[in-house]
Amino acid sequence: MIKVKEKISGTFASFKGGEIFARIRGYISTVKKNNRSVLEELSNVLKGKPYIPCGVGC
């Protein structure tokens, strides 16, 4: 995904922008892997209630 973003825009405007993109993309990936609604979970993040998956053996 990062390579696609880099090819489309040429590069990230800053290193911090790349970090932010990676963090958001990682969260979306985790939400999808746990069969959760991406839009609902992003909405919850903005409300201050992020989805945090349980660890191994839950």
PDB file of N, CA and C in Angstrom:
ATOM      1  N   MET A   1       0.817  -1.186   0.000  1.00  0.00           N
ATOM      2  CA  MET A   1       0.000   0.000   0.000  1.00  0.00           C
ATOM      3  C   MET A   1       0.868   1.260   0.000  1.00  0.00           C
ATOM      4  N   ILE A   2       1.963   1.228   0.719  1.00  0.00           N
ATOM      5  CA  ILE A   2       2.825   2.402   0.782  1.00  0.00           C
ATOM      6  C   ILE A   2       3.421   2.693  -0.595  1.00  0.00           C
ATOM      7  N   LYS A   3       3.820   1.655  -1.317  1.00  0.00           N
ATOM      8  CA  LYS A   3       4.377   1.859  -2.657  1.00  0.00           C
ATOM      9  C   LYS A   3       3.340   2.479  -3.586  1.00  0.00           C
ATOM     10  N   VAL A   4       2.089   2.050  -3.475  1.00  0.00           N
ATOM     11  CA  VAL A   4       1.027   2.626  -4.300  1.00  0.00           C
ATOM     12  C   VAL A   4       0.878   4.112  -3.977  1.00  0.00           C
ATOM     13  N   LYS A   5       0.829   4.442  -2.703  1.00  0.00           N
ATOM     14  CA  LYS A   5       0.699   5.842  -2.289  1.00  0.00           C
ATOM     15  C   LYS A   5       1.896   6.650  -2.785  1.00  0.00           C
ATOM     16  N   GLU A   6       3.080   6.074  -2.683  1.00  0.00           N
ATOM     17  CA  GLU A   6       4.283   6.768  -3.111  1.00  0.00           C
ATOM     18  C   GLU A   6       4.267   6.997  -4.622  1.00  0.00           C
ATOM     19  N   LYS A   7       3.796   6.015  -5.394  1.00  0.00           N
ATOM     20  CA  LYS A   7       3.752   6.150  -6.849  1.00  0.00           C
ATOM     21  C   LYS A   7       2.725   7.192  -7.277  1.00  0.00           C
ATOM     22  N   ILE A   8       1.605   7.267  -6.587  1.00  0.00           N
ATOM     23  CA  ILE A   8       0.551   8.208  -6.952  1.00  0.00           C
ATOM     24  C   ILE A   8       0.986   9.644  -6.678  1.00  0.00           C
ATOM     25  N   SER A   9       1.497   9.898  -5.492  1.00  0.00           N
ATOM     26  CA  SER A   9       1.829  11.268  -5.126  1.00  0.00           C
ATOM     27  C   SER A   9       3.305  11.602  -5.338  1.00  0.00           C
ATOM     28  N   GLY A  10       4.108  10.638  -5.720  1.00  0.00           N
ATOM     29  CA  GLY A  10       5.534  10.869  -5.896  1.00  0.00           C
ATOM     30  C   GLY A  10       6.301  10.524  -4.640  1.00  0.00           C
ATOM     31  N   THR A  11       5.831  10.986  -3.524  1.00  0.00           N
ATOM     32  CA  THR A  11       6.410  10.672  -2.220  1.00  0.00           C
ATOM     33  C   THR A  11       5.551  11.344  -1.153  1.00  0.00           C
ATOM     34  N   PHE A  12       5.819  11.066   0.071  1.00  0.00           N
ATOM     35  CA  PHE A  12       5.116  11.756   1.158  1.00  0.00           C
ATOM     36  C   PHE A  12       5.741  13.130   1.336  1.00  0.00           C
ATOM     37  N   ALA A  13       4.950  14.085   1.742  1.00  0.00           N
ATOM     38  CA  ALA A  13       5.439  15.457   1.902  1.00  0.00           C
ATOM     39  C   ALA A  13       6.500  15.531   2.996  1.00  0.00           C
ATOM     40  N   SER A  14       6.387  14.662   3.988  1.00  0.00           N
ATOM     41  CA  SER A  14       7.361  14.652   5.067  1.00  0.00           C
ATOM     42  C   SER A  14       7.433  13.253   5.672  1.00  0.00           C
ATOM     43  N   PHE A  15       8.441  13.027   6.468  1.00  0.00           N
ATOM     44  CA  PHE A  15       8.576  11.744   7.156  1.00  0.00           C
ATOM     45  C   PHE A  15       7.399  11.535   8.097  1.00  0.00           C
ATOM     46  N   LYS A  16       6.985  12.596   8.767  1.00  0.00           N
ATOM     47  CA  LYS A  16       5.842  12.525   9.688  1.00  0.00           C
ATOM     48  C   LYS A  16       4.573  12.116   8.940  1.00  0.00           C
ATOM     49  N   GLY A  17       4.381  12.625   7.720  1.00  0.00           N
ATOM     50  CA  GLY A  17       3.223  12.252   6.911  1.00  0.00           C
ATOM     51  C   GLY A  17       3.210  10.764   6.610  1.00  0.00           C
ATOM     52  N   GLY A  18       4.389  10.205   6.331  1.00  0.00           N
ATOM     53  CA  GLY A  18       4.505   8.766   6.094  1.00  0.00           C
ATOM     54  C   GLY A  18       4.173   7.967   7.339  1.00  0.00           C
ATOM     55  N   GLU A  19       4.631   8.446   8.493  1.00  0.00           N
ATOM     56  CA  GLU A  19       4.313   7.770   9.762  1.00  0.00           C
ATOM     57  C   GLU A  19       2.807   7.768  10.027  1.00  0.00           C
ATOM     58  N   ILE A  20       2.168   8.899   9.800  1.00  0.00           N
ATOM     59  CA  ILE A  20       0.724   9.005  10.023  1.00  0.00           C
ATOM     60  C   ILE A  20      -0.027   8.070   9.086  1.00  0.00           C
ATOM     61  N   PHE A  21       0.364   8.054   7.810  1.00  0.00           N
ATOM     62  CA  PHE A  21      -0.270   7.165   6.836  1.00  0.00           C
ATOM     63  C   PHE A  21      -0.134   5.708   7.266  1.00  0.00           C
ATOM     64  N   ALA A  22       1.066   5.311   7.679  1.00  0.00           N
ATOM     65  CA  ALA A  22       1.309   3.928   8.089  1.00  0.00           C
ATOM     66  C   ALA A  22       0.484   3.558   9.323  1.00  0.00           C
ATOM     67  N   ARG A  23       0.355   4.469  10.258  1.00  0.00           N
ATOM     68  CA  ARG A  23      -0.414   4.195  11.468  1.00  0.00           C
ATOM     69  C   ARG A  23      -1.897   4.000  11.150  1.00  0.00           C
ATOM     70  N   ILE A  24      -2.448   4.879  10.329  1.00  0.00           N
ATOM     71  CA  ILE A  24      -3.866   4.771   9.949  1.00  0.00           C
ATOM     72  C   ILE A  24      -4.101   3.499   9.145  1.00  0.00           C
ATOM     73  N   ARG A  25      -3.208   3.229   8.182  1.00  0.00           N
ATOM     74  CA  ARG A  25      -3.345   2.036   7.343  1.00  0.00           C
ATOM     75  C   ARG A  25      -3.238   0.767   8.183  1.00  0.00           C
ATOM     76  N   GLY A  26      -2.348   0.763   9.163  1.00  0.00           N
ATOM     77  CA  GLY A  26      -2.196  -0.385  10.058  1.00  0.00           C
ATOM     78  C   GLY A  26      -3.447  -0.620  10.884  1.00  0.00           C
ATOM     79  N   TYR A  27      -4.058   0.450  11.354  1.00  0.00           N
ATOM     80  CA  TYR A  27      -5.293   0.336  12.145  1.00  0.00           C
ATOM     81  C   TYR A  27      -6.410  -0.240  11.285  1.00  0.00           C
ATOM     82  N   ILE A  28      -6.544   0.252  10.062  1.00  0.00           N
ATOM     83  CA  ILE A  28      -7.575  -0.250   9.154  1.00  0.00           C
ATOM     84  C   ILE A  28      -7.345  -1.730   8.859  1.00  0.00           C
ATOM     85  N   SER A  29      -6.102  -2.116   8.657  1.00  0.00           N
ATOM     86  CA  SER A  29      -5.775  -3.514   8.399  1.00  0.00           C
ATOM     87  C   SER A  29      -6.160  -4.394   9.585  1.00  0.00           C
ATOM     88  N   THR A  30      -5.870  -3.945  10.793  1.00  0.00           N
ATOM     89  CA  THR A  30      -6.218  -4.697  11.996  1.00  0.00           C
ATOM     90  C   THR A  30      -7.723  -4.849  12.135  1.00  0.00           C
ATOM     91  N   VAL A  31      -8.452  -3.777  11.881  1.00  0.00           N
ATOM     92  CA  VAL A  31      -9.913  -3.805  11.968  1.00  0.00           C
ATOM     93  C   VAL A  31     -10.478  -4.822  10.973  1.00  0.00           C
ATOM     94  N   LYS A  32      -9.964  -4.812   9.744  1.00  0.00           N
ATOM     95  CA  LYS A  32     -10.436  -5.754   8.723  1.00  0.00           C
ATOM     96  C   LYS A  32     -10.143  -7.197   9.118  1.00  0.00           C
ATOM     97  N   LYS A  33      -8.952  -7.450   9.649  1.00  0.00           N
ATOM     98  CA  LYS A  33      -8.567  -8.807  10.044  1.00  0.00           C
ATOM     99  C   LYS A  33      -9.439  -9.348  11.167  1.00  0.00           C
ATOM    100  N   ASN A  34     -10.038  -8.442  11.933  1.00  0.00           N
ATOM    101  CA  ASN A  34     -10.905  -8.845  13.040  1.00  0.00           C
ATOM    102  C   ASN A  34     -12.386  -8.752  12.677  1.00  0.00           C
ATOM    103  N   ASN A  35     -12.662  -8.708  11.367  1.00  0.00           N
ATOM    104  CA  ASN A  35     -14.036  -8.699  10.842  1.00  0.00           C
ATOM    105  C   ASN A  35     -14.914  -7.617  11.463  1.00  0.00           C
ATOM    106  N   ARG A  36     -14.350  -6.430  11.578  1.00  0.00           N
ATOM    107  CA  ARG A  36     -15.090  -5.284  12.096  1.00  0.00           C
ATOM    108  C   ARG A  36     -15.377  -4.327  10.954  1.00  0.00           C
ATOM    109  N   SER A  37     -16.369  -3.479  11.120  1.00  0.00           N
ATOM    110  CA  SER A  37     -16.708  -2.469  10.119  1.00  0.00           C
ATOM    111  C   SER A  37     -15.696  -1.325  10.195  1.00  0.00           C
ATOM    112  N   VAL A  38     -15.003  -1.090   9.084  1.00  0.00           N
ATOM    113  CA  VAL A  38     -13.962  -0.057   9.057  1.00  0.00           C
ATOM    114  C   VAL A  38     -14.557   1.320   9.340  1.00  0.00           C
ATOM    115  N   LEU A  39     -15.649   1.664   8.670  1.00  0.00           N
ATOM    116  CA  LEU A  39     -16.245   2.986   8.875  1.00  0.00           C
ATOM    117  C   LEU A  39     -16.741   3.173  10.309  1.00  0.00           C
ATOM    118  N   GLU A  40     -17.345   2.136  10.851  1.00  0.00           N
ATOM    119  CA  GLU A  40     -17.837   2.222  12.231  1.00  0.00           C
ATOM    120  C   GLU A  40     -16.679   2.394  13.207  1.00  0.00           C
ATOM    121  N   GLU A  41     -15.599   1.643  12.995  1.00  0.00           N
ATOM    122  CA  GLU A  41     -14.453   1.733  13.907  1.00  0.00           C
ATOM    123  C   GLU A  41     -13.706   3.057  13.759  1.00  0.00           C
ATOM    124  N   LEU A  42     -13.626   3.599  12.545  1.00  0.00           N
ATOM    125  CA  LEU A  42     -13.011   4.923  12.385  1.00  0.00           C
ATOM    126  C   LEU A  42     -13.860   5.991  13.073  1.00  0.00           C
ATOM    127  N   SER A  43     -15.172   5.825  12.992  1.00  0.00           N
ATOM    128  CA  SER A  43     -16.078   6.739  13.690  1.00  0.00           C
ATOM    129  C   SER A  43     -15.852   6.651  15.196  1.00  0.00           C
ATOM    130  N   ASN A  44     -15.683   5.428  15.691  1.00  0.00           N
ATOM    131  CA  ASN A  44     -15.439   5.234  17.123  1.00  0.00           C
ATOM    132  C   ASN A  44     -14.115   5.860  17.556  1.00  0.00           C
ATOM    133  N   VAL A  45     -13.110   5.793  16.690  1.00  0.00           N
ATOM    134  CA  VAL A  45     -11.817   6.424  17.013  1.00  0.00           C
ATOM    135  C   VAL A  45     -12.002   7.921  17.212  1.00  0.00           C
ATOM    136  N   LEU A  46     -12.769   8.538  16.324  1.00  0.00           N
ATOM    137  CA  LEU A  46     -12.997   9.980  16.437  1.00  0.00           C
ATOM    138  C   LEU A  46     -13.806  10.337  17.675  1.00  0.00           C
ATOM    139  N   LYS A  47     -14.578   9.371  18.182  1.00  0.00           N
ATOM    140  CA  LYS A  47     -15.345   9.580  19.412  1.00  0.00           C
ATOM    141  C   LYS A  47     -14.508   9.283  20.658  1.00  0.00           C
ATOM    142  N   GLY A  48     -13.280   8.820  20.448  1.00  0.00           N
ATOM    143  CA  GLY A  48     -12.404   8.511  21.577  1.00  0.00           C
ATOM    144  C   GLY A  48     -12.547   7.098  22.105  1.00  0.00           C
ATOM    145  N   LYS A  49     -13.131   6.201  21.295  1.00  0.00           N
ATOM    146  CA  LYS A  49     -13.323   4.810  21.706  1.00  0.00           C
ATOM    147  C   LYS A  49     -12.728   3.867  20.657  1.00  0.00           C
ATOM    148  N   PRO A  50     -11.406   3.823  20.537  1.00  0.00           N
ATOM    149  CA  PRO A  50     -10.799   2.983  19.507  1.00  0.00           C
ATOM    150  C   PRO A  50     -10.967   1.501  19.791  1.00  0.00           C
ATOM    151  N   TYR A  51     -11.013   0.714  18.715  1.00  0.00           N
ATOM    152  CA  TYR A  51     -11.064  -0.746  18.845  1.00  0.00           C
ATOM    153  C   TYR A  51      -9.672  -1.240  19.158  1.00  0.00           C
ATOM    154  N   ILE A  52      -9.553  -1.980  20.240  1.00  0.00           N
ATOM    155  CA  ILE A  52      -8.262  -2.569  20.625  1.00  0.00           C
ATOM    156  C   ILE A  52      -8.484  -4.066  20.719  1.00  0.00           C
ATOM    157  N   PRO A  53      -7.903  -4.843  19.786  1.00  0.00           N
ATOM    158  CA  PRO A  53      -8.113  -6.287  19.813  1.00  0.00           C
ATOM    159  C   PRO A  53      -7.445  -6.897  21.041  1.00  0.00           C
ATOM    160  N   CYS A  54      -8.037  -7.974  21.532  1.00  0.00           N
ATOM    161  CA  CYS A  54      -7.440  -8.648  22.684  1.00  0.00           C
ATOM    162  C   CYS A  54      -6.194  -9.407  22.239  1.00  0.00           C
ATOM    163  N   GLY A  55      -5.334  -9.724  23.152  1.00  0.00           N
ATOM    164  CA  GLY A  55      -4.100 -10.421  22.835  1.00  0.00           C
ATOM    165  C   GLY A  55      -4.325 -11.908  22.597  1.00  0.00           C
ATOM    166  N   VAL A  56      -3.281 -12.659  22.529  1.00  0.00           N
ATOM    167  CA  VAL A  56      -3.352 -14.103  22.280  1.00  0.00           C
ATOM    168  C   VAL A  56      -4.020 -14.802  23.452  1.00  0.00           C
ATOM    169  N   GLY A  57      -4.933 -15.700  23.124  1.00  0.00           N
ATOM    170  CA  GLY A  57      -5.579 -16.502  24.148  1.00  0.00           C
ATOM    171  C   GLY A  57      -6.802 -15.874  24.773  1.00  0.00           C
ATOM    172  N   CYS A  58      -7.420 -14.915  24.128  1.00  0.00           N
ATOM    173  CA  CYS A  58      -8.620 -14.263  24.679  1.00  0.00           C
ATOM    174  C   CYS A  58      -9.831 -15.144  24.526  1.00  0.00           C
TER     175      CYS A  58
END
